Each structure stands twice: as C-alpha cells, then as structure tokens.
C-alpha cells in the first residue's frame, strides 16, 4: 500500500526518493539514498535491510539491474517485496515479487523509476514519472514532490495515505534532505510545507558539516 519514485538529477547528480503510504512512518523503513552512489526503494511487506544492502552493491560497482538481480537472488522471502533502484549513471530497474496480489507495478523514465502496490489505477507509476518530468529545471526535491502529487491525482492507493518522506543526497553518504511526515491526514501536503520551510536553511545545514568555523557564533 505504497507508491514512490527514485531519481538521479541529470543537472546536479543528486539522488532522491519520495514515497507515501497508508501506514505510519514510511520514511523509517522504505527509502534509502547515498551521495555519489544511488537510490533504493524497498516496499510491500518491507524488509528495510534491502535498502542499505542495495546501496552497498551499487557502491561496489554493480549497476541498477545487477543490484536488483542480486537482491532478488539473496533476499529473504523476496516474493513479498517490491524494489526500485537508480545507479550513479542514472540507470534504473525495478522488481515486484510474485506474492504481491494487489494491483501493482513499476515504470521507468529518464533517470527515474516509480513503483507502487495496492493501487487504484495501474497507470499510477507512469503518471508519477510524468509528474517528475514536468519541471526539468526545478530542484530535484520539488520534482519528487510533484511525482507524489501526480500519484495522488492518478487515484492513489486503496486506502488514504497517512505518511510520506522525501530524501535527497548530494555530497555525503547521508541525505542532506531527510524530511518525514509520520502520521497526518494530508501527508504529501504537509511534506510540501516542511520542504518550503527547510529549503532556505539547507545550505546552512550543509555548511555546518563542511566548515563549522565559517558560521558566526551564537549571540
């Protein structure tokens, strides 16, 4: 009962994921990014171990499809899992296990891939990719949020969504943007609001990591 999109920005090389679901706290279990490496989504009866494992495989040099193949080969009860991967070259791949009985699927676009399950419409993954593509010059975070809105407009999932998350990684092995809405009547709208609050402060938070001496002392 989840729909999501993973992407690599062709302009900046940033990796990002956006995801929403009817369950609480989806950001704690499903989306994973690593700067200079890639992005991984793991959902539907989620095994969160597959996210870091996928990023490690990408970092070792496997491409997106090879990473999916290895996760499927070695994954625990993999028939229940749904996966999506973007590698450092912007190549994409996805997998949906044979045990998933709800309406589900995936769709790949240039540098991005969407997957979903328990969907109202089989067109939703394609619509998410179209939503991501409509503003190519915008910040990847805005484009990822556009994809979630497009998914909702395509019908969403069979139950109302309750949580959402947005992760973007650029220079580091952690996400410089890591925003979550864990339980809300409109989690995508709330995530959009939080991003607008966070965006003007993003460079300051990155500077804290790179050169804390450059930040004036607190009064």
Protein backbone atom coordinates (compact mmCIF):
# COMPACT_ATOMS: atom_id res chain seq x y z
CA UNK A 1 0.00 0.00 0.00
CA UNK A 2 2.71 2.37 -1.11
CA UNK A 3 3.77 4.42 -4.10
CA UNK A 4 7.15 6.04 -4.63
CA UNK A 5 9.72 7.35 -7.06
CA UNK A 6 13.53 7.27 -7.07
CA UNK A 7 15.62 9.50 -9.31
CA UNK A 8 19.01 10.92 -10.23
CA UNK A 9 19.01 14.57 -11.27
CA UNK A 10 20.76 14.89 -14.65
CA UNK A 11 21.76 18.51 -13.91
CA UNK A 12 23.23 18.12 -10.44
CA UNK A 13 23.90 14.41 -9.92
CA UNK A 14 21.77 14.45 -6.76
CA UNK A 15 19.88 11.30 -5.82
CA UNK A 16 16.43 11.46 -4.32
CA UNK A 17 13.37 9.45 -3.34
CA UNK A 18 9.81 10.39 -2.48
CA UNK A 19 7.29 7.99 -1.01
CA UNK A 20 3.85 7.89 0.59
CA UNK A 21 1.64 5.17 2.05
CA UNK A 22 -1.38 4.40 4.20
CA UNK A 23 0.86 3.10 7.01
CA UNK A 24 2.58 5.31 9.57
CA UNK A 25 6.25 6.31 9.38
CA UNK A 26 7.07 5.10 5.87
CA UNK A 27 10.29 7.11 5.93
CA UNK A 28 11.68 4.85 8.66
CA UNK A 29 11.50 1.70 6.53
CA UNK A 30 11.48 2.18 2.79
CA UNK A 31 13.61 4.97 1.18
CA UNK A 32 17.42 4.97 1.02
CA UNK A 33 19.92 7.28 -0.72
CA UNK A 34 23.68 7.77 -0.72
CA UNK A 35 25.50 10.66 -2.38
CA UNK A 36 27.52 9.66 -5.45
CA UNK A 37 26.15 6.11 -5.24
CA UNK A 38 22.42 5.82 -5.87
CA UNK A 39 18.93 5.40 -4.50
CA UNK A 40 16.98 2.32 -3.42
CA UNK A 41 13.32 1.81 -2.52
CA UNK A 42 12.08 -1.27 -0.71
CA UNK A 43 8.35 -1.66 -0.03
CA UNK A 44 5.32 -4.01 0.24
CA UNK A 45 5.81 -6.11 3.39
CA UNK A 46 9.03 -4.21 3.60
CA UNK A 47 12.43 -5.60 4.51
CA UNK A 48 14.45 -2.45 5.37
CA UNK A 49 17.67 -4.44 5.23
CA UNK A 50 17.42 -4.43 1.44
CA UNK A 51 17.96 -0.67 1.24
CA UNK A 52 21.48 -0.41 2.71
CA UNK A 53 22.37 -3.73 1.07
CA UNK A 54 21.36 -2.32 -2.31
CA UNK A 55 23.40 0.85 -1.79
CA UNK A 56 26.43 -1.22 -0.81
CA UNK A 57 26.10 -3.23 -4.03
CA UNK A 58 25.88 -0.05 -6.07
CA UNK A 59 28.95 1.33 -4.30
CA UNK A 60 30.84 -1.85 -5.22
CA UNK A 61 30.15 -1.11 -8.89
CA UNK A 62 27.01 -3.07 -9.74
CA UNK A 63 24.55 -1.26 -11.97
CA UNK A 64 20.83 -0.88 -11.20
CA UNK A 65 19.69 -4.11 -12.83
CA UNK A 66 22.58 -6.12 -11.39
CA UNK A 67 21.73 -4.75 -7.94
CA UNK A 68 18.08 -5.78 -8.31
CA UNK A 69 19.15 -9.21 -9.52
CA UNK A 70 21.43 -9.73 -6.52
CA UNK A 71 18.83 -8.51 -4.03
CA UNK A 72 16.28 -10.87 -5.55
CA UNK A 73 18.74 -13.76 -5.54
CA UNK A 74 19.73 -13.34 -1.90
CA UNK A 75 16.69 -11.64 -0.35
CA UNK A 76 14.58 -13.18 2.40
CA UNK A 77 11.08 -14.23 1.21
CA UNK A 78 11.65 -12.00 -1.80
CA UNK A 79 8.26 -12.79 -3.36
CA UNK A 80 6.63 -10.29 -0.99
CA UNK A 81 8.99 -7.44 -1.81
CA UNK A 82 8.86 -4.55 -4.26
CA UNK A 83 12.11 -2.79 -5.17
CA UNK A 84 13.38 0.10 -7.26
CA UNK A 85 16.98 1.21 -7.88
CA UNK A 86 18.76 4.13 -9.57
CA UNK A 87 22.52 3.92 -10.06
CA UNK A 88 25.19 6.62 -10.45
CA UNK A 89 24.77 6.68 -14.23
CA UNK A 90 21.03 7.23 -13.92
CA UNK A 91 20.18 3.67 -15.00
CA UNK A 92 17.07 2.23 -13.38
CA UNK A 93 15.48 -1.10 -12.55
CA UNK A 94 12.54 -2.40 -10.52
CA UNK A 95 11.10 -5.66 -9.20
CA UNK A 96 7.72 -6.81 -7.92
CA UNK A 97 7.52 -10.21 -6.22
CA UNK A 98 5.11 -12.92 -7.32
CA UNK A 99 3.35 -12.97 -3.93
CA UNK A 100 2.01 -9.42 -4.33
CA UNK A 101 -1.68 -9.87 -5.07
CA UNK A 102 -2.86 -6.24 -5.17
CA UNK A 103 -2.81 -4.01 -8.24
CA UNK A 104 0.84 -3.04 -8.54
CA UNK A 105 3.59 -2.16 -10.98
CA UNK A 106 6.52 0.00 -11.95
CA UNK A 107 7.51 2.44 -14.65
CA UNK A 108 10.88 3.79 -15.76
CA UNK A 109 11.68 7.20 -17.22
CA UNK A 110 14.92 9.07 -17.93
CA UNK A 111 16.90 8.83 -14.69
CA UNK A 112 13.89 7.82 -12.60
CA UNK A 113 11.73 4.85 -11.66
CA UNK A 114 8.39 4.58 -9.87
CA UNK A 115 6.80 1.60 -8.13
CA UNK A 116 3.53 1.10 -6.30
CA UNK A 117 1.24 -1.51 -4.80
CA UNK A 118 -2.37 -1.65 -3.57
CA UNK A 119 -3.08 0.93 -6.25
CA UNK A 120 -6.42 2.15 -7.52
CA UNK A 121 -5.02 2.52 -11.05
CA UNK A 122 -2.32 0.60 -12.88
CA UNK A 123 -1.45 3.89 -14.61
CA UNK A 124 -0.19 5.46 -11.37
CA UNK A 125 3.54 4.61 -11.74
CA UNK A 126 3.58 6.13 -15.24
CA UNK A 127 1.77 9.23 -14.00
CA UNK A 128 4.38 9.67 -11.25
CA UNK A 129 7.18 9.61 -13.81
CA UNK A 130 5.30 12.18 -15.88
CA UNK A 131 4.85 14.34 -12.79
CA UNK A 132 8.57 14.17 -12.05
CA UNK A 133 9.42 15.12 -15.64
CA UNK A 134 7.20 18.18 -15.97
CA UNK A 135 9.67 20.67 -14.36
CA UNK A 136 13.15 19.54 -15.52
CA UNK A 137 14.89 22.69 -14.28
CA UNK A 138 13.40 22.64 -10.77
CA UNK A 139 15.21 21.35 -7.68
CA UNK A 140 15.03 17.57 -7.51
CA UNK A 141 13.12 17.84 -4.21
CA UNK A 142 10.37 19.83 -5.93
CA UNK A 143 10.26 17.34 -8.79
CA UNK A 144 9.99 14.42 -6.39
CA UNK A 145 7.11 16.11 -4.59
CA UNK A 146 5.47 16.72 -7.99
CA UNK A 147 5.62 12.97 -8.55
CA UNK A 148 3.76 12.27 -5.31
CA UNK A 149 1.06 14.79 -6.22
CA UNK A 150 0.73 13.14 -9.63
CA UNK A 151 0.33 9.77 -7.92
CA UNK A 152 -2.47 11.10 -5.75
CA UNK A 153 -4.16 12.67 -8.78
CA UNK A 154 -3.93 9.30 -10.56
CA UNK A 155 -6.04 7.75 -7.80
CA UNK A 156 -3.52 6.94 -5.09
CA UNK A 157 -3.85 3.66 -3.27
CA UNK A 158 -6.89 1.85 -2.00
CA UNK A 159 -6.66 3.44 1.48
CA UNK A 160 -5.96 7.10 2.34
CA UNK A 161 -2.27 7.86 2.70
CA UNK A 162 -1.04 8.68 6.22
CA UNK A 163 2.71 9.18 5.94
CA UNK A 164 5.27 10.45 3.43
CA UNK A 165 9.01 11.05 3.16
CA UNK A 166 11.48 12.95 1.00
CA UNK A 167 15.22 12.15 0.91
CA UNK A 168 17.91 13.78 -1.25
CA UNK A 169 21.65 13.04 -1.13
CA UNK A 170 24.35 15.00 -2.89
CA UNK A 171 27.87 15.18 -1.42
CA UNK A 172 27.68 12.78 1.52
CA UNK A 173 26.73 9.22 2.39
CA UNK A 174 23.73 10.60 4.28
CA UNK A 175 20.77 12.57 2.99
CA UNK A 176 21.19 16.34 3.19
CA UNK A 177 17.40 16.50 2.83
CA UNK A 178 15.65 13.98 5.06
CA UNK A 179 12.08 15.05 5.75
CA UNK A 180 9.28 12.89 7.12
CA UNK A 181 5.61 13.11 7.92
CA UNK A 182 4.83 10.09 10.05
CA UNK A 183 1.05 10.42 10.58
CA UNK A 184 -1.13 13.10 9.00
CA UNK A 185 -4.46 13.49 7.20
CA UNK A 186 -2.60 15.09 4.26
CA UNK A 187 0.98 13.84 4.47
CA UNK A 188 2.01 14.91 0.98
CA UNK A 189 0.70 18.44 1.51
CA UNK A 190 2.42 18.59 4.89
CA UNK A 191 5.66 17.34 3.33
CA UNK A 192 5.45 20.12 0.75
CA UNK A 193 5.02 22.65 3.57
CA UNK A 194 8.00 21.30 5.52
CA UNK A 195 10.20 21.40 2.41
CA UNK A 196 9.36 25.08 1.89
CA UNK A 197 10.46 25.75 5.49
CA UNK A 198 13.61 23.63 5.17
CA UNK A 199 14.81 24.76 1.73
CA UNK A 200 16.08 28.25 2.76
CA UNK A 201 18.12 26.66 5.57
CA UNK A 202 19.61 23.80 3.54
CA UNK A 203 22.90 25.49 2.65
CA UNK A 204 23.42 26.50 6.29
CA UNK A 205 22.99 22.91 7.49
CA UNK A 206 25.46 21.70 4.85
CA UNK A 207 27.95 24.39 5.93
CA UNK A 208 27.74 23.07 9.49
CA UNK A 209 29.17 19.81 8.15
CA UNK A 210 31.79 21.20 5.78
CA UNK A 211 33.11 24.30 7.59
CA UNK A 212 31.58 24.94 11.02
CA UNK A 213 34.22 27.61 11.69
CA UNK A 214 32.61 29.75 8.99
CA UNK A 215 29.39 30.03 10.96
CA UNK A 216 29.20 33.07 13.27
CA UNK A 217 28.93 32.18 16.98
CA UNK A 218 25.52 32.27 18.59
CA UNK A 219 24.80 35.53 20.44
